[in-house]
Amino acid sequence: MFFVKNLFLSDFHIGDNMFFSKRVEQFITIAQKGTFKEAADELCISPSALSKGMKEIEGQLGVQLFQHSGRGAKLTSNGEKLYQELFPHYQDVSATTKN
């Protein structure tokens, strides 16, 4: 829960009906798609904006989340831990907000 707790301190929004920030959604999308380009296309933002957002999260947490190789982005062990912590909550929030 270390990662989630640290992310929520700055990324948890209550006033605008968003329980997870765009950065959390972006992180999960990259993890699922495996490339910044595919994730950026799905999220309708530029790959450079997506990369900047992930650098912000990495800076906030003090760990590298992705291992870049060619066109791919593989989760590091810390990235995998964060994904495992966030994804169940992300699914719950996504399901709730779609209803």
Protein backbone atom coordinates (compact mmCIF):
# COMPACT_ATOMS: atom_id res chain seq x y z
CA MET A 1 0.00 0.00 0.00
CA PHE A 2 3.03 2.30 0.12
CA PHE A 3 2.72 3.33 -3.51
CA VAL A 4 -1.02 3.87 -3.42
CA LYS A 5 -0.82 5.91 -0.23
CA ASN A 6 1.86 8.20 -1.70
CA LEU A 7 0.00 8.63 -4.99
CA PHE A 8 -3.29 9.41 -3.29
CA LEU A 9 -1.74 12.23 -1.31
CA SER A 10 -1.49 14.31 -4.47
CA ASP A 11 -3.62 12.53 -7.08
CA PHE A 12 -6.87 11.87 -5.23
CA HIS A 13 -9.55 14.30 -6.40
CA ILE A 14 -12.82 14.63 -4.58
CA GLY A 15 -14.26 17.90 -5.86
CA ASP A 16 -14.43 17.05 -9.56
CA ASN A 17 -16.04 13.57 -9.43
CA MET A 18 -12.72 11.93 -10.25
CA PHE A 19 -11.49 9.46 -7.68
CA PHE A 20 -8.38 8.67 -9.68
CA SER A 21 -6.33 11.27 -11.44
CA LYS A 22 -5.56 11.17 -15.11
CA ARG A 23 -2.03 10.08 -14.22
CA VAL A 24 -3.31 6.88 -12.61
CA GLU A 25 -5.47 6.14 -15.64
CA GLN A 26 -2.49 6.83 -17.88
CA PHE A 27 -0.21 4.54 -15.89
CA ILE A 28 -2.72 1.68 -16.02
CA THR A 29 -3.31 2.16 -19.75
CA ILE A 30 0.43 2.05 -20.52
CA ALA A 31 0.82 -1.06 -18.38
CA GLN A 32 -2.01 -2.77 -20.25
CA LYS A 33 -1.06 -1.65 -23.77
CA GLY A 34 2.69 -2.15 -23.39
CA THR A 35 3.64 0.95 -25.37
CA PHE A 36 3.39 4.67 -24.78
CA LYS A 37 2.20 5.16 -28.38
CA GLU A 38 -0.76 2.77 -28.09
CA ALA A 39 -1.69 4.14 -24.68
CA ALA A 40 -1.45 7.72 -25.95
CA ASP A 41 -3.66 6.87 -28.92
CA GLU A 42 -6.29 5.33 -26.65
CA LEU A 43 -6.17 8.29 -24.25
CA CYS A 44 -6.15 10.87 -27.08
CA ILE A 45 -2.99 12.60 -25.90
CA SER A 46 0.51 12.82 -27.32
CA PRO A 47 3.13 10.23 -26.37
CA SER A 48 5.37 13.04 -25.08
CA ALA A 49 2.63 14.31 -22.73
CA LEU A 50 2.13 10.76 -21.51
CA SER A 51 5.85 10.32 -20.94
CA LYS A 52 5.98 13.59 -19.01
CA GLY A 53 3.14 12.44 -16.77
CA MET A 54 4.87 9.16 -15.99
CA LYS A 55 8.10 11.00 -15.17
CA GLU A 56 6.09 13.07 -12.68
CA ILE A 57 4.77 9.92 -10.97
CA GLU A 58 8.24 8.36 -10.97
CA GLY A 59 9.66 11.53 -9.44
CA GLN A 60 6.93 11.64 -6.81
CA LEU A 61 7.47 8.01 -5.83
CA GLY A 62 11.25 8.05 -6.29
CA VAL A 63 11.25 4.86 -8.37
CA GLN A 64 11.37 3.90 -12.03
CA LEU A 65 8.09 2.36 -13.18
CA PHE A 66 8.89 1.44 -16.79
CA GLN A 67 11.81 -0.17 -18.57
CA HIS A 68 11.91 1.29 -22.07
CA SER A 69 13.02 -1.01 -24.86
CA GLY A 70 12.65 -0.02 -28.49
CA ARG A 71 8.99 0.80 -28.90
CA GLY A 72 7.83 -1.02 -25.78
CA ALA A 73 7.42 -0.09 -22.15
CA LYS A 74 7.72 -2.98 -19.72
CA LEU A 75 6.86 -2.54 -16.05
CA THR A 76 9.79 -2.67 -13.65
CA SER A 77 9.34 -4.62 -10.43
CA ASN A 78 8.25 -1.37 -8.75
CA GLY A 79 5.90 -0.66 -11.65
CA GLU A 80 4.40 -4.12 -11.30
CA LYS A 81 3.87 -3.58 -7.56
CA LEU A 82 2.14 -0.27 -8.21
CA TYR A 83 -0.04 -1.83 -10.91
CA GLN A 84 -1.04 -4.68 -8.60
CA GLU A 85 -1.97 -2.17 -5.89
CA LEU A 86 -3.88 0.23 -8.14
CA PHE A 87 -5.68 -1.97 -10.64
CA PRO A 88 -8.31 -3.51 -8.32
CA HIS A 89 -9.24 -0.04 -7.04
CA TYR A 90 -9.24 1.36 -10.56
CA GLN A 91 -11.63 -1.39 -11.70
CA ASP A 92 -13.96 -0.68 -8.78
CA VAL A 93 -14.02 3.06 -9.46
CA SER A 94 -14.44 2.54 -13.20
CA ALA A 95 -17.36 0.19 -12.67
CA THR A 96 -19.00 2.58 -10.22
CA THR A 97 -18.65 5.66 -12.41
CA LYS A 98 -20.00 3.86 -15.50
CA ASN A 99 -23.25 2.99 -13.73
